[in-house]
Amino acid sequence: MNSKRLKYLNVFTCKRFNVSTCRRGVTFVSAVILAAVISLSVWSALVLSDIILKSASVSKTEEEMEMIARGLLNFYRDSDQFPPNITALKSQPDSADYEGTASLQSYRQSRWDGPYLQDKYDDDGYAKDAWGTAYVYSYTAGAPTCTITSYGLNRTSGGGDDITIT
Protein backbone atom coordinates (compact mmCIF):
# COMPACT_ATOMS: atom_id res chain seq x y z
CA MET A 1 0.00 0.00 0.00
CA ASN A 2 1.19 3.45 -0.71
CA SER A 3 1.64 5.91 2.16
CA LYS A 4 -1.24 8.21 1.14
CA ARG A 5 -3.73 5.42 1.22
CA LEU A 6 -2.39 4.17 4.55
CA LYS A 7 -2.68 7.66 6.05
CA TYR A 8 -6.27 7.94 4.82
CA LEU A 9 -7.16 4.57 6.28
CA ASN A 10 -5.51 5.46 9.57
CA VAL A 11 -7.51 8.73 9.85
CA PHE A 12 -10.68 6.98 8.77
CA THR A 13 -10.12 4.18 11.26
CA CYS A 14 -9.41 6.60 14.11
CA LYS A 15 -12.57 8.57 13.46
CA ARG A 16 -14.78 5.63 12.68
CA PHE A 17 -13.77 3.25 15.45
CA ASN A 18 -12.40 5.70 18.03
CA VAL A 19 -9.05 3.94 18.18
CA SER A 20 -6.90 5.28 21.03
CA THR A 21 -3.61 4.93 19.14
CA CYS A 22 -4.46 7.88 16.90
CA ARG A 23 -2.64 11.14 17.35
CA ARG A 24 -4.71 13.61 19.23
CA GLY A 25 -4.07 17.14 20.39
CA VAL A 26 -3.92 20.70 19.24
CA THR A 27 -1.56 21.82 16.56
CA PHE A 28 0.41 25.04 16.90
CA VAL A 29 -1.58 26.70 14.12
CA SER A 30 -4.92 25.85 15.69
CA ALA A 31 -3.67 27.16 19.07
CA VAL A 32 -2.63 30.46 17.47
CA ILE A 33 -5.98 30.78 15.71
CA LEU A 34 -7.83 30.02 18.95
CA ALA A 35 -5.78 32.64 20.84
CA ALA A 36 -6.49 35.21 18.11
CA VAL A 37 -10.23 34.53 18.21
CA ILE A 38 -10.32 34.81 22.01
CA SER A 39 -8.27 38.03 21.93
CA LEU A 40 -10.55 39.53 19.31
CA SER A 41 -13.62 38.59 21.34
CA VAL A 42 -12.23 40.16 24.52
CA TRP A 43 -11.20 43.32 22.66
CA SER A 44 -14.66 43.61 21.08
CA ALA A 45 -16.34 43.21 24.47
CA LEU A 46 -14.15 45.94 25.97
CA VAL A 47 -14.82 48.35 23.12
CA LEU A 48 -18.57 47.72 23.29
CA SER A 49 -18.69 48.16 27.06
CA ASP A 50 -16.79 51.45 26.75
CA ILE A 51 -19.26 52.70 24.14
CA ILE A 52 -22.22 51.66 26.29
CA LEU A 53 -20.79 53.36 29.40
CA LYS A 54 -20.11 56.60 27.50
CA SER A 55 -23.61 56.56 26.07
CA ALA A 56 -25.12 56.00 29.51
CA SER A 57 -23.10 58.89 30.95
CA VAL A 58 -24.24 61.22 28.18
CA SER A 59 -27.88 60.18 28.70
CA LYS A 60 -27.65 60.69 32.46
CA THR A 61 -26.10 64.13 32.03
CA GLU A 62 -28.66 65.22 29.43
CA GLU A 63 -31.50 64.06 31.67
CA GLU A 64 -30.08 65.93 34.65
CA MET A 65 -29.51 69.07 32.58
CA GLU A 66 -33.12 68.98 31.38
CA MET A 67 -34.24 68.76 35.01
CA ILE A 68 -32.08 71.79 35.85
CA ALA A 69 -33.48 73.65 32.81
CA ARG A 70 -37.05 73.01 34.01
CA GLY A 71 -36.07 74.39 37.42
CA LEU A 72 -34.54 77.47 35.79
CA LEU A 73 -37.71 78.11 33.78
CA ASN A 74 -39.88 77.72 36.88
CA PHE A 75 -37.63 80.13 38.78
CA TYR A 76 -37.94 82.59 35.88
CA ARG A 77 -41.72 82.18 35.83
CA ASP A 78 -41.95 83.07 39.52
CA SER A 79 -39.25 85.75 39.81
CA ASP A 80 -39.21 87.24 36.31
CA GLN A 81 -35.47 86.62 36.08
CA PHE A 82 -33.12 83.66 36.00
CA PRO A 83 -31.33 82.79 39.24
CA PRO A 84 -27.84 84.13 39.93
CA ASN A 85 -26.53 80.54 40.26
CA ILE A 86 -27.77 76.95 40.19
CA THR A 87 -27.86 76.65 43.99
CA ALA A 88 -30.63 79.27 44.01
CA LEU A 89 -32.87 76.56 42.58
CA LYS A 90 -32.57 74.61 45.80
CA SER A 91 -32.51 77.35 48.43
CA GLN A 92 -33.89 80.87 48.35
CA PRO A 93 -31.27 83.49 47.49
CA ASP A 94 -30.90 86.75 49.40
CA SER A 95 -32.82 89.72 48.03
CA ALA A 96 -29.50 91.32 47.01
CA ASP A 97 -28.98 88.43 44.55
CA TYR A 98 -32.00 89.58 42.56
CA GLU A 99 -31.87 92.27 39.89
CA GLY A 100 -33.47 95.69 40.10
CA THR A 101 -34.21 98.26 42.75
CA ALA A 102 -34.48 97.31 46.40
CA SER A 103 -38.28 97.11 46.22
CA LEU A 104 -38.10 94.98 43.03
CA GLN A 105 -35.51 92.72 44.65
CA SER A 106 -37.75 92.29 47.69
CA TYR A 107 -40.75 91.57 45.46
CA ARG A 108 -38.82 88.99 43.43
CA GLN A 109 -37.57 87.32 46.58
CA SER A 110 -41.13 87.08 47.91
CA ARG A 111 -42.19 85.32 44.69
CA TRP A 112 -39.65 82.52 45.17
CA ASP A 113 -41.67 79.30 45.33
CA GLY A 114 -38.92 76.69 45.42
CA PRO A 115 -37.13 74.52 45.77
CA TYR A 116 -37.15 74.19 42.01
CA LEU A 117 -34.74 71.31 42.05
CA GLN A 118 -35.05 68.18 44.14
CA ASP A 119 -31.81 66.58 45.29
CA LYS A 120 -32.79 62.99 46.08
CA TYR A 121 -29.71 62.22 48.14
CA ASP A 122 -28.99 65.73 49.49
CA ASP A 123 -25.44 65.49 48.18
CA ASP A 124 -25.50 68.38 45.69
CA GLY A 125 -25.19 65.78 42.93
CA TYR A 126 -27.27 67.99 40.66
CA ALA A 127 -24.33 70.40 40.50
CA LYS A 128 -22.05 67.91 38.70
CA ASP A 129 -22.34 65.92 35.50
CA ALA A 130 -21.82 62.17 35.10
CA TRP A 131 -18.05 62.70 34.86
CA GLY A 132 -17.89 64.57 38.19
CA THR A 133 -17.34 68.00 36.66
CA ALA A 134 -19.40 70.97 37.81
CA TYR A 135 -21.95 72.31 35.35
CA VAL A 136 -21.16 75.73 33.96
CA TYR A 137 -24.11 78.08 34.42
CA SER A 138 -24.01 81.29 32.44
CA TYR A 139 -26.46 84.13 32.89
CA THR A 140 -26.07 87.81 32.18
CA ALA A 141 -28.26 90.07 34.30
CA GLY A 142 -31.31 91.19 32.37
CA ALA A 143 -30.84 88.65 29.58
CA PRO A 144 -33.87 86.61 28.51
CA THR A 145 -31.84 83.38 28.32
CA CYS A 146 -29.25 81.44 30.26
CA THR A 147 -27.00 78.51 29.41
CA ILE A 148 -26.02 75.30 31.19
CA THR A 149 -22.97 73.46 29.88
CA SER A 150 -21.36 70.14 30.66
CA TYR A 151 -17.84 69.79 29.31
CA GLY A 152 -18.42 66.09 28.72
CA LEU A 153 -15.98 63.22 28.91
CA ASN A 154 -12.84 65.26 28.25
CA ARG A 155 -13.82 67.72 31.03
CA THR A 156 -12.63 70.72 29.02
CA SER A 157 -14.41 73.26 26.88
CA GLY A 158 -14.49 72.26 23.23
CA GLY A 159 -13.45 68.93 21.83
CA GLY A 160 -16.85 68.15 20.39
CA ASP A 161 -18.29 66.40 23.44
CA ASP A 162 -19.74 69.41 25.28
CA ILE A 163 -23.45 69.30 26.08
CA THR A 164 -25.22 72.66 26.17
CA ILE A 165 -28.79 73.68 26.93
CA THR A 166 -29.90 77.28 26.37
C-alpha atoms as a PDB file:
ATOM      1  CA  MET A   1       0.000   0.000   0.000  1.00  0.00           C
ATOM      2  CA  ASN A   2       1.189   3.450  -0.714  1.00  0.00           C
ATOM      3  CA  SER A   3       1.641   5.909   2.159  1.00  0.00           C
ATOM      4  CA  LYS A   4      -1.238   8.209   1.138  1.00  0.00           C
ATOM      5  CA  ARG A   5      -3.732   5.422   1.220  1.00  0.00           C
ATOM      6  CA  LEU A   6      -2.389   4.171   4.550  1.00  0.00           C
ATOM      7  CA  LYS A   7      -2.679   7.656   6.053  1.00  0.00           C
ATOM      8  CA  TYR A   8      -6.269   7.944   4.824  1.00  0.00           C
ATOM      9  CA  LEU A   9      -7.156   4.565   6.279  1.00  0.00           C
ATOM     10  CA  ASN A  10      -5.506   5.464   9.573  1.00  0.00           C
ATOM     11  CA  VAL A  11      -7.513   8.727   9.852  1.00  0.00           C
ATOM     12  CA  PHE A  12     -10.682   6.978   8.767  1.00  0.00           C
ATOM     13  CA  THR A  13     -10.121   4.176  11.263  1.00  0.00           C
ATOM     14  CA  CYS A  14      -9.413   6.598  14.113  1.00  0.00           C
ATOM     15  CA  LYS A  15     -12.568   8.570  13.459  1.00  0.00           C
ATOM     16  CA  ARG A  16     -14.779   5.633  12.681  1.00  0.00           C
ATOM     17  CA  PHE A  17     -13.767   3.250  15.447  1.00  0.00           C
ATOM     18  CA  ASN A  18     -12.404   5.697  18.027  1.00  0.00           C
ATOM     19  CA  VAL A  19      -9.053   3.944  18.184  1.00  0.00           C
ATOM     20  CA  SER A  20      -6.899   5.278  21.030  1.00  0.00           C
ATOM     21  CA  THR A  21      -3.614   4.933  19.136  1.00  0.00           C
ATOM     22  CA  CYS A  22      -4.459   7.877  16.897  1.00  0.00           C
ATOM     23  CA  ARG A  23      -2.638  11.142  17.352  1.00  0.00           C
ATOM     24  CA  ARG A  24      -4.708  13.613  19.230  1.00  0.00           C
ATOM     25  CA  GLY A  25      -4.065  17.145  20.391  1.00  0.00           C
ATOM     26  CA  VAL A  26      -3.916  20.702  19.244  1.00  0.00           C
ATOM     27  CA  THR A  27      -1.560  21.824  16.556  1.00  0.00           C
ATOM     28  CA  PHE A  28       0.409  25.036  16.901  1.00  0.00           C
ATOM     29  CA  VAL A  29      -1.576  26.700  14.122  1.00  0.00           C
ATOM     30  CA  SER A  30      -4.921  25.853  15.694  1.00  0.00           C
ATOM     31  CA  ALA A  31      -3.670  27.155  19.067  1.00  0.00           C
ATOM     32  CA  VAL A  32      -2.630  30.456  17.474  1.00  0.00           C
ATOM     33  CA  ILE A  33      -5.983  30.780  15.715  1.00  0.00           C
ATOM     34  CA  LEU A  34      -7.830  30.024  18.948  1.00  0.00           C
ATOM     35  CA  ALA A  35      -5.783  32.638  20.837  1.00  0.00           C
ATOM     36  CA  ALA A  36      -6.488  35.208  18.110  1.00  0.00           C
ATOM     37  CA  VAL A  37     -10.231  34.527  18.212  1.00  0.00           C
ATOM     38  CA  ILE A  38     -10.322  34.808  22.011  1.00  0.00           C
ATOM     39  CA  SER A  39      -8.271  38.027  21.932  1.00  0.00           C
ATOM     40  CA  LEU A  40     -10.546  39.533  19.308  1.00  0.00           C
ATOM     41  CA  SER A  41     -13.618  38.592  21.343  1.00  0.00           C
ATOM     42  CA  VAL A  42     -12.228  40.164  24.523  1.00  0.00           C
ATOM     43  CA  TRP A  43     -11.199  43.319  22.657  1.00  0.00           C
ATOM     44  CA  SER A  44     -14.660  43.613  21.084  1.00  0.00           C
ATOM     45  CA  ALA A  45     -16.337  43.212  24.465  1.00  0.00           C
ATOM     46  CA  LEU A  46     -14.147  45.939  25.974  1.00  0.00           C
ATOM     47  CA  VAL A  47     -14.822  48.347  23.120  1.00  0.00           C
ATOM     48  CA  LEU A  48     -18.571  47.719  23.288  1.00  0.00           C
ATOM     49  CA  SER A  49     -18.692  48.156  27.059  1.00  0.00           C
ATOM     50  CA  ASP A  50     -16.787  51.447  26.752  1.00  0.00           C
ATOM     51  CA  ILE A  51     -19.256  52.702  24.139  1.00  0.00           C
ATOM     52  CA  ILE A  52     -22.218  51.664  26.290  1.00  0.00           C
ATOM     53  CA  LEU A  53     -20.789  53.364  29.398  1.00  0.00           C
ATOM     54  CA  LYS A  54     -20.111  56.601  27.501  1.00  0.00           C
ATOM     55  CA  SER A  55     -23.611  56.561  26.070  1.00  0.00           C
ATOM     56  CA  ALA A  56     -25.116  55.996  29.514  1.00  0.00           C
ATOM     57  CA  SER A  57     -23.103  58.895  30.955  1.00  0.00           C
ATOM     58  CA  VAL A  58     -24.241  61.223  28.176  1.00  0.00           C
ATOM     59  CA  SER A  59     -27.879  60.182  28.699  1.00  0.00           C
ATOM     60  CA  LYS A  60     -27.651  60.693  32.464  1.00  0.00           C
ATOM     61  CA  THR A  61     -26.098  64.130  32.026  1.00  0.00           C
ATOM     62  CA  GLU A  62     -28.663  65.218  29.429  1.00  0.00           C
ATOM     63  CA  GLU A  63     -31.501  64.057  31.669  1.00  0.00           C
ATOM     64  CA  GLU A  64     -30.083  65.929  34.647  1.00  0.00           C
ATOM     65  CA  MET A  65     -29.507  69.065  32.577  1.00  0.00           C
ATOM     66  CA  GLU A  66     -33.117  68.979  31.380  1.00  0.00           C
ATOM     67  CA  MET A  67     -34.244  68.757  35.007  1.00  0.00           C
ATOM     68  CA  ILE A  68     -32.085  71.793  35.848  1.00  0.00           C
ATOM     69  CA  ALA A  69     -33.482  73.650  32.807  1.00  0.00           C
ATOM     70  CA  ARG A  70     -37.050  73.015  34.012  1.00  0.00           C
ATOM     71  CA  GLY A  71     -36.066  74.387  37.419  1.00  0.00           C
ATOM     72  CA  LEU A  72     -34.540  77.466  35.788  1.00  0.00           C
ATOM     73  CA  LEU A  73     -37.707  78.108  33.783  1.00  0.00           C
ATOM     74  CA  ASN A  74     -39.883  77.719  36.880  1.00  0.00           C
ATOM     75  CA  PHE A  75     -37.634  80.126  38.781  1.00  0.00           C
ATOM     76  CA  TYR A  76     -37.940  82.587  35.883  1.00  0.00           C
ATOM     77  CA  ARG A  77     -41.720  82.180  35.829  1.00  0.00           C
ATOM     78  CA  ASP A  78     -41.953  83.075  39.518  1.00  0.00           C
ATOM     79  CA  SER A  79     -39.249  85.747  39.810  1.00  0.00           C
ATOM     80  CA  ASP A  80     -39.208  87.244  36.311  1.00  0.00           C
ATOM     81  CA  GLN A  81     -35.473  86.620  36.080  1.00  0.00           C
ATOM     82  CA  PHE A  82     -33.123  83.663  36.002  1.00  0.00           C
ATOM     83  CA  PRO A  83     -31.331  82.786  39.239  1.00  0.00           C
ATOM     84  CA  PRO A  84     -27.845  84.125  39.931  1.00  0.00           C
ATOM     85  CA  ASN A  85     -26.526  80.539  40.259  1.00  0.00           C
ATOM     86  CA  ILE A  86     -27.768  76.946  40.190  1.00  0.00           C
ATOM     87  CA  THR A  87     -27.857  76.648  43.987  1.00  0.00           C
ATOM     88  CA  ALA A  88     -30.633  79.273  44.007  1.00  0.00           C
ATOM     89  CA  LEU A  89     -32.873  76.559  42.576  1.00  0.00           C
ATOM     90  CA  LYS A  90     -32.571  74.610  45.801  1.00  0.00           C
ATOM     91  CA  SER A  91     -32.509  77.351  48.426  1.00  0.00           C
ATOM     92  CA  GLN A  92     -33.886  80.868  48.346  1.00  0.00           C
ATOM     93  CA  PRO A  93     -31.273  83.488  47.487  1.00  0.00           C
ATOM     94  CA  ASP A  94     -30.904  86.753  49.395  1.00  0.00           C
ATOM     95  CA  SER A  95     -32.819  89.720  48.034  1.00  0.00           C
ATOM     96  CA  ALA A  96     -29.501  91.324  47.009  1.00  0.00           C
ATOM     97  CA  ASP A  97     -28.979  88.434  44.550  1.00  0.00           C
ATOM     98  CA  TYR A  98     -32.005  89.578  42.560  1.00  0.00           C
ATOM     99  CA  GLU A  99     -31.867  92.269  39.893  1.00  0.00           C
ATOM    100  CA  GLY A 100     -33.475  95.695  40.099  1.00  0.00           C
ATOM    101  CA  THR A 101     -34.210  98.262  42.751  1.00  0.00           C
ATOM    102  CA  ALA A 102     -34.483  97.307  46.403  1.00  0.00           C
ATOM    103  CA  SER A 103     -38.275  97.106  46.216  1.00  0.00           C
ATOM    104  CA  LEU A 104     -38.102  94.981  43.033  1.00  0.00           C
ATOM    105  CA  GLN A 105     -35.514  92.724  44.651  1.00  0.00           C
ATOM    106  CA  SER A 106     -37.751  92.295  47.689  1.00  0.00           C
ATOM    107  CA  TYR A 107     -40.754  91.567  45.456  1.00  0.00           C
ATOM    108  CA  ARG A 108     -38.819  88.988  43.426  1.00  0.00           C
ATOM    109  CA  GLN A 109     -37.569  87.316  46.576  1.00  0.00           C
ATOM    110  CA  SER A 110     -41.131  87.081  47.907  1.00  0.00           C
ATOM    111  CA  ARG A 111     -42.193  85.322  44.686  1.00  0.00           C
ATOM    112  CA  TRP A 112     -39.650  82.520  45.171  1.00  0.00           C
ATOM    113  CA  ASP A 113     -41.668  79.302  45.327  1.00  0.00           C
ATOM    114  CA  GLY A 114     -38.924  76.692  45.421  1.00  0.00           C
ATOM    115  CA  PRO A 115     -37.134  74.522  45.772  1.00  0.00           C
ATOM    116  CA  TYR A 116     -37.154  74.187  42.015  1.00  0.00           C
ATOM    117  CA  LEU A 117     -34.738  71.307  42.046  1.00  0.00           C
ATOM    118  CA  GLN A 118     -35.052  68.175  44.141  1.00  0.00           C
ATOM    119  CA  ASP A 119     -31.814  66.581  45.291  1.00  0.00           C
ATOM    120  CA  LYS A 120     -32.793  62.993  46.084  1.00  0.00           C
ATOM    121  CA  TYR A 121     -29.711  62.223  48.142  1.00  0.00           C
ATOM    122  CA  ASP A 122     -28.991  65.727  49.487  1.00  0.00           C
ATOM    123  CA  ASP A 123     -25.438  65.486  48.177  1.00  0.00           C
ATOM    124  CA  ASP A 124     -25.504  68.382  45.688  1.00  0.00           C
ATOM    125  CA  GLY A 125     -25.194  65.783  42.926  1.00  0.00           C
ATOM    126  CA  TYR A 126     -27.271  67.995  40.656  1.00  0.00           C
ATOM    127  CA  ALA A 127     -24.326  70.404  40.499  1.00  0.00           C
ATOM    128  CA  LYS A 128     -22.049  67.905  38.705  1.00  0.00           C
ATOM    129  CA  ASP A 129     -22.339  65.924  35.502  1.00  0.00           C
ATOM    130  CA  ALA A 130     -21.821  62.170  35.102  1.00  0.00           C
ATOM    131  CA  TRP A 131     -18.050  62.698  34.863  1.00  0.00           C
ATOM    132  CA  GLY A 132     -17.886  64.571  38.187  1.00  0.00           C
ATOM    133  CA  THR A 133     -17.337  68.000  36.656  1.00  0.00           C
ATOM    134  CA  ALA A 134     -19.398  70.975  37.810  1.00  0.00           C
ATOM    135  CA  TYR A 135     -21.946  72.310  35.345  1.00  0.00           C
ATOM    136  CA  VAL A 136     -21.161  75.731  33.956  1.00  0.00           C
ATOM    137  CA  TYR A 137     -24.107  78.084  34.420  1.00  0.00           C
ATOM    138  CA  SER A 138     -24.008  81.288  32.444  1.00  0.00           C
ATOM    139  CA  TYR A 139     -26.459  84.129  32.895  1.00  0.00           C
ATOM    140  CA  THR A 140     -26.065  87.813  32.177  1.00  0.00           C
ATOM    141  CA  ALA A 141     -28.263  90.065  34.297  1.00  0.00           C
ATOM    142  CA  GLY A 142     -31.312  91.188  32.366  1.00  0.00           C
ATOM    143  CA  ALA A 143     -30.843  88.648  29.579  1.00  0.00           C
ATOM    144  CA  PRO A 144     -33.873  86.606  28.508  1.00  0.00           C
ATOM    145  CA  THR A 145     -31.843  83.378  28.324  1.00  0.00           C
ATOM    146  CA  CYS A 146     -29.254  81.436  30.256  1.00  0.00           C
ATOM    147  CA  THR A 147     -27.001  78.510  29.414  1.00  0.00           C
ATOM    148  CA  ILE A 148     -26.022  75.302  31.191  1.00  0.00           C
ATOM    149  CA  THR A 149     -22.974  73.464  29.883  1.00  0.00           C
ATOM    150  CA  SER A 150     -21.360  70.138  30.659  1.00  0.00           C
ATOM    151  CA  TYR A 151     -17.840  69.789  29.310  1.00  0.00           C
ATOM    152  CA  GLY A 152     -18.417  66.089  28.724  1.00  0.00           C
ATOM    153  CA  LEU A 153     -15.984  63.215  28.909  1.00  0.00           C
ATOM    154  CA  ASN A 154     -12.838  65.259  28.254  1.00  0.00           C
ATOM    155  CA  ARG A 155     -13.818  67.723  31.027  1.00  0.00           C
ATOM    156  CA  THR A 156     -12.633  70.720  29.023  1.00  0.00           C
ATOM    157  CA  SER A 157     -14.414  73.256  26.879  1.00  0.00           C
ATOM    158  CA  GLY A 158     -14.492  72.261  23.227  1.00  0.00           C
ATOM    159  CA  GLY A 159     -13.449  68.935  21.830  1.00  0.00           C
ATOM    160  CA  GLY A 160     -16.854  68.145  20.385  1.00  0.00           C
ATOM    161  CA  ASP A 161     -18.289  66.400  23.439  1.00  0.00           C
ATOM    162  CA  ASP A 162     -19.740  69.410  25.282  1.00  0.00           C
ATOM    163  CA  ILE A 163     -23.450  69.299  26.083  1.00  0.00           C
ATOM    164  CA  THR A 164     -25.221  72.661  26.172  1.00  0.00           C
ATOM    165  CA  ILE A 165     -28.793  73.684  26.932  1.00  0.00           C
ATOM    166  CA  THR A 166     -29.895  77.278  26.373  1.00  0.00           C
END
